[in-house]
C-alpha atoms as a PDB file:
ATOM      1  CA  MET A   1     -91.732 -46.159-311.946  1.00  0.00           C
ATOM      2  CA  ILE A   2     -90.261 -46.519-308.471  1.00  0.00           C
ATOM      3  CA  THR A   3     -91.940 -46.750-305.110  1.00  0.00           C
ATOM      4  CA  LYS A   4     -91.970 -43.939-302.610  1.00  0.00           C
ATOM      5  CA  GLN A   5     -89.752 -45.985-300.274  1.00  0.00           C
ATOM      6  CA  VAL A   6     -87.079 -46.478-302.958  1.00  0.00           C
ATOM      7  CA  PHE A   7     -87.238 -42.782-303.812  1.00  0.00           C
ATOM      8  CA  LEU A   8     -86.752 -41.773-300.164  1.00  0.00           C
ATOM      9  CA  GLU A   9     -83.814 -44.164-299.781  1.00  0.00           C
ATOM     10  CA  ARG A  10     -82.146 -42.794-302.905  1.00  0.00           C
ATOM     11  CA  LYS A  11     -82.825 -39.238-301.767  1.00  0.00           C
ATOM     12  CA  ALA A  12     -81.212 -39.940-298.381  1.00  0.00           C
ATOM     13  CA  ILE A  13     -78.129 -41.425-300.063  1.00  0.00           C
ATOM     14  CA  ARG A  14     -77.841 -38.459-302.447  1.00  0.00           C
ATOM     15  CA  SER A  15     -78.252 -35.995-299.569  1.00  0.00           C
ATOM     16  CA  ARG A  16     -75.358 -37.626-297.686  1.00  0.00           C
ATOM     17  CA  GLN A  17     -73.227 -37.563-300.850  1.00  0.00           C
ATOM     18  CA  ILE A  18     -74.025 -33.891-301.433  1.00  0.00           C
ATOM     19  CA  GLN A  19     -73.185 -33.018-297.820  1.00  0.00           C
ATOM     20  CA  LYS A  20     -69.860 -34.872-298.064  1.00  0.00           C
ATOM     21  CA  LEU A  21     -68.990 -33.079-301.313  1.00  0.00           C
ATOM     22  CA  GLU A  22     -69.884 -29.689-299.814  1.00  0.00           C
ATOM     23  CA  GLU A  23     -67.544 -30.382-296.869  1.00  0.00           C
ATOM     24  CA  GLU A  24     -64.743 -31.342-299.267  1.00  0.00           C
ATOM     25  CA  LEU A  25     -65.376 -28.174-301.282  1.00  0.00           C
ATOM     26  CA  LYS A  26     -65.188 -26.097-298.100  1.00  0.00           C
ATOM     27  CA  ASP A  27     -61.821 -27.690-297.233  1.00  0.00           C
ATOM     28  CA  LEU A  28     -60.508 -27.076-300.758  1.00  0.00           C
ATOM     29  CA  ARG A  29     -61.545 -23.415-300.591  1.00  0.00           C
ATOM     30  CA  LYS A  30     -59.489 -23.066-297.398  1.00  0.00           C
ATOM     31  CA  VAL A  31     -56.445 -24.501-299.199  1.00  0.00           C
ATOM     32  CA  VAL A  32     -56.841 -22.071-302.100  1.00  0.00           C
ATOM     33  CA  VAL A  33     -57.114 -19.091-299.738  1.00  0.00           C
ATOM     34  CA  ASP A  34     -54.059 -20.269-297.799  1.00  0.00           C
ATOM     35  CA  GLU A  35     -52.025 -20.655-301.008  1.00  0.00           C
ATOM     36  CA  ASP A  36     -52.813 -17.068-301.988  1.00  0.00           C
ATOM     37  CA  ASN A  37     -51.236 -15.913-298.735  1.00  0.00           C
ATOM     38  CA  TYR A  38     -47.926 -17.704-299.365  1.00  0.00           C
ATOM     39  CA  PRO A  39     -44.930 -15.473-300.067  1.00  0.00           C
ATOM     40  CA  ASN A  40     -43.178 -15.755-303.406  1.00  0.00           C
ATOM     41  CA  VAL A  41     -39.616 -17.046-303.777  1.00  0.00           C
ATOM     42  CA  GLU A  42     -37.998 -13.592-303.776  1.00  0.00           C
ATOM     43  CA  GLN A  43     -39.776 -12.659-300.552  1.00  0.00           C
ATOM     44  CA  ILE A  44     -38.618 -15.888-298.917  1.00  0.00           C
ATOM     45  CA  TYR A  45     -34.989 -15.277-299.920  1.00  0.00           C
ATOM     46  CA  GLU A  46     -35.195 -11.717-298.593  1.00  0.00           C
ATOM     47  CA  ARG A  47     -36.629 -12.853-295.265  1.00  0.00           C
ATOM     48  CA  VAL A  48     -34.091 -15.652-294.910  1.00  0.00           C
ATOM     49  CA  GLY A  49     -31.317 -13.130-295.519  1.00  0.00           C
ATOM     50  CA  GLN A  50     -32.756 -10.816-292.856  1.00  0.00           C
ATOM     51  CA  PHE A  51     -33.063 -13.761-290.500  1.00  0.00           C
ATOM     52  CA  ARG A  52     -29.435 -14.822-291.028  1.00  0.00           C
ATOM     53  CA  GLU A  53     -28.179 -11.311-290.333  1.00  0.00           C
ATOM     54  CA  LEU A  54     -30.230 -10.973-287.161  1.00  0.00           C
ATOM     55  CA  TRP A  55     -29.392 -14.505-285.994  1.00  0.00           C
ATOM     56  CA  SER A  56     -25.640 -14.037-286.469  1.00  0.00           C
ATOM     57  CA  ASP A  57     -25.762 -10.747-284.537  1.00  0.00           C
ATOM     58  CA  ALA A  58     -28.017 -12.150-281.781  1.00  0.00           C
ATOM     59  CA  VAL A  59     -26.513 -12.752-278.372  1.00  0.00           C
ATOM     60  CA  THR A  60     -29.519 -13.385-276.135  1.00  0.00           C
ATOM     61  CA  SER A  61     -32.455 -15.753-276.569  1.00  0.00           C
ATOM     62  CA  GLU A  62     -34.774 -12.756-276.905  1.00  0.00           C
ATOM     63  CA  GLU A  63     -32.805 -11.471-279.890  1.00  0.00           C
ATOM     64  CA  LYS A  64     -32.896 -14.928-281.489  1.00  0.00           C
ATOM     65  CA  ASN A  65     -36.664 -15.115-280.956  1.00  0.00           C
ATOM     66  CA  ARG A  66     -37.073 -11.707-282.623  1.00  0.00           C
ATOM     67  CA  ALA A  67     -35.034 -12.991-285.558  1.00  0.00           C
ATOM     68  CA  LEU A  68     -37.299 -16.018-285.880  1.00  0.00           C
ATOM     69  CA  LYS A  69     -40.383 -13.792-285.761  1.00  0.00           C
ATOM     70  CA  LYS A  70     -39.033 -11.915-288.788  1.00  0.00           C
ATOM     71  CA  LEU A  71     -39.099 -15.173-290.729  1.00  0.00           C
ATOM     72  CA  LEU A  72     -42.153 -16.970-289.304  1.00  0.00           C
ATOM     73  CA  GLU A  73     -45.602 -15.679-288.511  1.00  0.00           C
ATOM     74  CA  ARG A  74     -46.772 -18.646-286.451  1.00  0.00           C
ATOM     75  CA  ASN A  75     -46.678 -22.417-286.045  1.00  0.00           C
ATOM     76  CA  VAL A  76     -49.989 -24.252-286.009  1.00  0.00           C
ATOM     77  CA  TYR A  77     -50.208 -27.655-284.345  1.00  0.00           C
ATOM     78  CA  ASP A  78     -53.126 -29.887-285.319  1.00  0.00           C
ATOM     79  CA  ARG A  79     -53.462 -32.854-283.001  1.00  0.00           C
ATOM     80  CA  GLU A  80     -55.703 -35.817-283.611  1.00  0.00           C
ATOM     81  CA  GLY A  81     -55.053 -38.683-281.235  1.00  0.00           C
ATOM     82  CA  ASN A  82     -51.415 -39.706-281.558  1.00  0.00           C
ATOM     83  CA  ARG A  83     -50.925 -37.786-284.809  1.00  0.00           C
ATOM     84  CA  VAL A  84     -49.496 -34.257-284.699  1.00  0.00           C
ATOM     85  CA  GLU A  85     -49.364 -32.094-287.802  1.00  0.00           C
ATOM     86  CA  LEU A  86     -47.233 -28.956-287.824  1.00  0.00           C
ATOM     87  CA  THR A  87     -47.997 -26.134-290.208  1.00  0.00           C
ATOM     88  CA  VAL A  88     -45.429 -23.341-290.394  1.00  0.00           C
ATOM     89  CA  CYS A  89     -46.918 -20.042-291.498  1.00  0.00           C
ATOM     90  CA  TYR A  90     -44.413 -17.678-293.082  1.00  0.00           C
ATOM     91  CA  LYS A  91     -44.906 -13.957-293.096  1.00  0.00           C
END
């Protein structure tokens, strides 16, 4: 037998633990979805080859930017205080 006060304290602790685990699960689900969107090795080699051809033929900055856009979809910067995390998203 436990008192109502002890029960409520344990319940509060468990609720915080459950909430923390649900947040971690949500973050892990994002990682799994992101990994499914990654290109395979053959696709990367193909895109790098296309990029090299376009880059070597490029004369202007605009042409070089177009070549980079063939290889990369976007760059995502995550800033927290003094820490900056760069995530490169390939097409």
